Amino acid sequence: MPNIIPYNPKLREFARYLRNNSTLSEVLLWKEIKNKALGVEFKRQVPILDYIVDFYCQELKLAVEVDGHIHDFRYVED
């Protein structure tokens, strides 16, 4: 399946950093959805346009964002 989501290569290294420094909420959700546990494949920390989404399923065109404490003080940005 072709990748139709606009990919921003400038965010690649930051996405890698986020994958290696996941929040507890992200770790717990990843345990439940990795390895096609729900019948579809999810990827973690996917750069899309100017954002990095926590989890993305290409087949469903579904992005999942897990809010954590970082969002408590970023009302304007979010």
N, C-alpha and C. Protein backbone atom coordinates (compact mmCIF):
# COMPACT_ATOMS: atom_id res chain seq x y z
N MET A 1 0.86 -1.16 0.00
CA MET A 1 0.00 0.00 0.00
C MET A 1 0.91 1.24 0.00
N PRO A 2 0.69 2.16 -0.93
CA PRO A 2 1.54 3.34 -0.98
C PRO A 2 1.33 4.25 0.23
N ASN A 3 2.38 4.93 0.60
CA ASN A 3 2.31 5.83 1.74
C ASN A 3 1.73 7.16 1.27
N ILE A 4 0.48 7.43 1.60
CA ILE A 4 -0.16 8.66 1.15
C ILE A 4 -0.14 9.75 2.21
N ILE A 5 0.39 9.44 3.37
CA ILE A 5 0.49 10.43 4.44
C ILE A 5 1.75 11.25 4.21
N PRO A 6 1.64 12.58 4.15
CA PRO A 6 2.83 13.42 3.96
C PRO A 6 3.83 13.23 5.09
N TYR A 7 5.02 12.80 4.73
CA TYR A 7 6.07 12.49 5.69
C TYR A 7 7.07 13.64 5.73
N ASN A 8 7.40 14.08 6.94
CA ASN A 8 8.37 15.16 7.11
C ASN A 8 9.69 14.56 7.59
N PRO A 9 10.68 14.42 6.69
CA PRO A 9 11.95 13.80 7.08
C PRO A 9 12.72 14.59 8.15
N LYS A 10 12.41 15.86 8.31
CA LYS A 10 13.08 16.68 9.32
C LYS A 10 12.74 16.22 10.74
N LEU A 11 11.62 15.51 10.89
CA LEU A 11 11.19 15.05 12.21
C LEU A 11 11.66 13.62 12.52
N ARG A 12 12.38 13.02 11.62
CA ARG A 12 12.77 11.61 11.78
C ARG A 12 13.57 11.36 13.07
N GLU A 13 14.58 12.16 13.32
CA GLU A 13 15.41 11.95 14.50
C GLU A 13 14.63 12.19 15.79
N PHE A 14 13.78 13.22 15.79
CA PHE A 14 12.97 13.49 16.99
C PHE A 14 11.98 12.36 17.24
N ALA A 15 11.41 11.80 16.17
CA ALA A 15 10.49 10.67 16.31
C ALA A 15 11.22 9.47 16.92
N ARG A 16 12.46 9.24 16.49
CA ARG A 16 13.27 8.16 17.06
C ARG A 16 13.51 8.40 18.55
N TYR A 17 13.81 9.65 18.89
CA TYR A 17 14.01 10.00 20.30
C TYR A 17 12.75 9.69 21.12
N LEU A 18 11.58 10.08 20.58
CA LEU A 18 10.33 9.84 21.29
C LEU A 18 10.04 8.35 21.45
N ARG A 19 10.37 7.55 20.44
CA ARG A 19 10.18 6.09 20.54
C ARG A 19 11.03 5.51 21.66
N ASN A 20 12.22 6.05 21.82
CA ASN A 20 13.14 5.55 22.84
C ASN A 20 12.89 6.14 24.22
N ASN A 21 12.02 7.14 24.32
CA ASN A 21 11.72 7.80 25.59
C ASN A 21 10.22 7.95 25.78
N SER A 22 9.50 6.84 25.63
CA SER A 22 8.04 6.85 25.71
C SER A 22 7.55 7.13 27.12
N THR A 23 6.35 7.71 27.20
CA THR A 23 5.71 7.91 28.49
C THR A 23 5.13 6.57 28.96
N LEU A 24 4.80 6.48 30.23
CA LEU A 24 4.20 5.26 30.76
C LEU A 24 2.91 4.93 30.01
N SER A 25 2.09 5.92 29.75
CA SER A 25 0.83 5.70 29.02
C SER A 25 1.09 5.11 27.64
N GLU A 26 2.09 5.63 26.94
CA GLU A 26 2.42 5.12 25.62
C GLU A 26 2.94 3.68 25.69
N VAL A 27 3.76 3.39 26.68
CA VAL A 27 4.29 2.04 26.85
C VAL A 27 3.16 1.04 27.10
N LEU A 28 2.24 1.41 27.97
CA LEU A 28 1.13 0.51 28.30
C LEU A 28 0.22 0.27 27.09
N LEU A 29 -0.07 1.32 26.33
CA LEU A 29 -0.90 1.13 25.14
C LEU A 29 -0.16 0.31 24.09
N TRP A 30 1.12 0.57 23.90
CA TRP A 30 1.90 -0.17 22.92
C TRP A 30 1.90 -1.66 23.21
N LYS A 31 1.96 -2.03 24.50
CA LYS A 31 1.92 -3.45 24.87
C LYS A 31 0.64 -4.12 24.37
N GLU A 32 -0.44 -3.35 24.30
CA GLU A 32 -1.74 -3.90 23.91
C GLU A 32 -1.96 -3.94 22.39
N ILE A 33 -1.26 -3.10 21.63
CA ILE A 33 -1.56 -3.00 20.20
C ILE A 33 -0.42 -3.46 19.29
N LYS A 34 0.76 -3.76 19.85
CA LYS A 34 1.87 -4.16 18.99
C LYS A 34 1.67 -5.56 18.43
N ASN A 35 2.44 -5.90 17.40
CA ASN A 35 2.39 -7.21 16.76
C ASN A 35 1.00 -7.59 16.26
N LYS A 36 0.29 -6.61 15.74
CA LYS A 36 -1.05 -6.82 15.18
C LYS A 36 -2.02 -7.46 16.17
N ALA A 37 -1.89 -7.09 17.43
CA ALA A 37 -2.76 -7.66 18.47
C ALA A 37 -4.23 -7.36 18.21
N LEU A 38 -4.53 -6.27 17.51
CA LEU A 38 -5.91 -5.92 17.20
C LEU A 38 -6.28 -6.30 15.75
N GLY A 39 -5.40 -7.02 15.08
CA GLY A 39 -5.66 -7.44 13.71
C GLY A 39 -5.13 -6.47 12.67
N VAL A 40 -4.56 -5.36 13.09
CA VAL A 40 -3.98 -4.37 12.18
C VAL A 40 -2.64 -3.92 12.75
N GLU A 41 -1.77 -3.41 11.88
CA GLU A 41 -0.45 -2.98 12.31
C GLU A 41 -0.45 -1.50 12.70
N PHE A 42 0.11 -1.22 13.86
CA PHE A 42 0.32 0.15 14.31
C PHE A 42 1.81 0.44 14.31
N LYS A 43 2.16 1.68 14.01
CA LYS A 43 3.53 2.15 14.13
C LYS A 43 3.54 3.23 15.20
N ARG A 44 4.72 3.40 15.85
CA ARG A 44 4.84 4.38 16.94
C ARG A 44 5.57 5.63 16.45
N GLN A 45 5.17 6.77 17.00
CA GLN A 45 5.84 8.04 16.77
C GLN A 45 6.09 8.27 15.28
N VAL A 46 5.01 8.51 14.55
CA VAL A 46 5.07 8.65 13.10
C VAL A 46 5.00 10.13 12.72
N PRO A 47 6.01 10.64 11.99
CA PRO A 47 5.95 12.02 11.52
C PRO A 47 4.90 12.16 10.42
N ILE A 48 3.97 13.08 10.61
CA ILE A 48 2.95 13.40 9.62
C ILE A 48 2.87 14.92 9.54
N LEU A 49 3.11 15.45 8.35
CA LEU A 49 3.18 16.90 8.16
C LEU A 49 4.18 17.49 9.16
N ASP A 50 3.76 18.41 10.00
CA ASP A 50 4.66 19.03 10.99
C ASP A 50 4.46 18.46 12.39
N TYR A 51 3.85 17.30 12.49
CA TYR A 51 3.53 16.70 13.78
C TYR A 51 4.09 15.29 13.87
N ILE A 52 4.16 14.78 15.08
CA ILE A 52 4.50 13.38 15.30
C ILE A 52 3.36 12.77 16.11
N VAL A 53 2.65 11.81 15.49
CA VAL A 53 1.55 11.17 16.20
C VAL A 53 2.09 9.97 16.96
N ASP A 54 1.51 9.70 18.12
CA ASP A 54 2.00 8.62 18.98
C ASP A 54 1.88 7.26 18.30
N PHE A 55 0.73 6.97 17.71
CA PHE A 55 0.51 5.69 17.06
C PHE A 55 -0.26 5.93 15.76
N TYR A 56 0.07 5.16 14.72
CA TYR A 56 -0.63 5.32 13.45
C TYR A 56 -0.83 3.96 12.79
N CYS A 57 -2.07 3.75 12.30
CA CYS A 57 -2.42 2.54 11.56
C CYS A 57 -2.73 2.96 10.13
N GLN A 58 -1.85 2.59 9.19
CA GLN A 58 -2.02 2.95 7.77
C GLN A 58 -3.30 2.33 7.21
N GLU A 59 -3.55 1.07 7.54
CA GLU A 59 -4.72 0.36 7.00
C GLU A 59 -6.03 1.06 7.35
N LEU A 60 -6.14 1.54 8.58
CA LEU A 60 -7.37 2.20 9.03
C LEU A 60 -7.33 3.72 8.85
N LYS A 61 -6.15 4.25 8.48
CA LYS A 61 -5.95 5.71 8.40
C LYS A 61 -6.31 6.34 9.75
N LEU A 62 -5.81 5.69 10.81
CA LEU A 62 -6.15 6.08 12.17
C LEU A 62 -4.92 6.53 12.93
N ALA A 63 -4.96 7.75 13.45
CA ALA A 63 -3.89 8.27 14.30
C ALA A 63 -4.40 8.31 15.73
N VAL A 64 -3.56 7.87 16.66
CA VAL A 64 -3.91 7.86 18.08
C VAL A 64 -2.89 8.70 18.82
N GLU A 65 -3.36 9.68 19.56
CA GLU A 65 -2.50 10.54 20.36
C GLU A 65 -2.82 10.28 21.83
N VAL A 66 -1.79 9.96 22.61
CA VAL A 66 -1.96 9.68 24.03
C VAL A 66 -1.50 10.91 24.79
N ASP A 67 -2.43 11.60 25.41
CA ASP A 67 -2.07 12.79 26.17
C ASP A 67 -1.42 12.40 27.48
N GLY A 68 -0.41 13.13 27.82
CA GLY A 68 0.28 12.92 29.08
C GLY A 68 0.45 14.25 29.78
N HIS A 69 1.26 14.27 30.80
CA HIS A 69 1.43 15.49 31.59
C HIS A 69 2.02 16.64 30.78
N ILE A 70 2.71 16.35 29.68
CA ILE A 70 3.28 17.40 28.85
C ILE A 70 2.20 18.33 28.30
N HIS A 71 1.00 17.81 28.12
CA HIS A 71 -0.09 18.60 27.56
C HIS A 71 -0.79 19.47 28.61
N ASP A 72 -0.48 19.27 29.87
CA ASP A 72 -1.12 20.05 30.93
C ASP A 72 -0.83 21.55 30.83
N PHE A 73 0.30 21.89 30.25
CA PHE A 73 0.72 23.29 30.22
C PHE A 73 0.86 23.83 28.80
N ARG A 74 0.33 23.11 27.81
CA ARG A 74 0.50 23.51 26.42
C ARG A 74 -0.85 23.72 25.74
N TYR A 75 -1.73 24.44 26.35
CA TYR A 75 -3.07 24.63 25.80
C TYR A 75 -3.03 25.32 24.43
N VAL A 76 -2.21 26.32 24.28
CA VAL A 76 -2.16 27.07 23.03
C VAL A 76 -1.62 26.19 21.90
N GLU A 77 -0.53 25.48 22.13
CA GLU A 77 0.06 24.65 21.11
C GLU A 77 -0.86 23.50 20.71
N ASP A 78 -1.51 22.89 21.69
CA ASP A 78 -2.37 21.74 21.41
C ASP A 78 -3.68 22.19 20.77
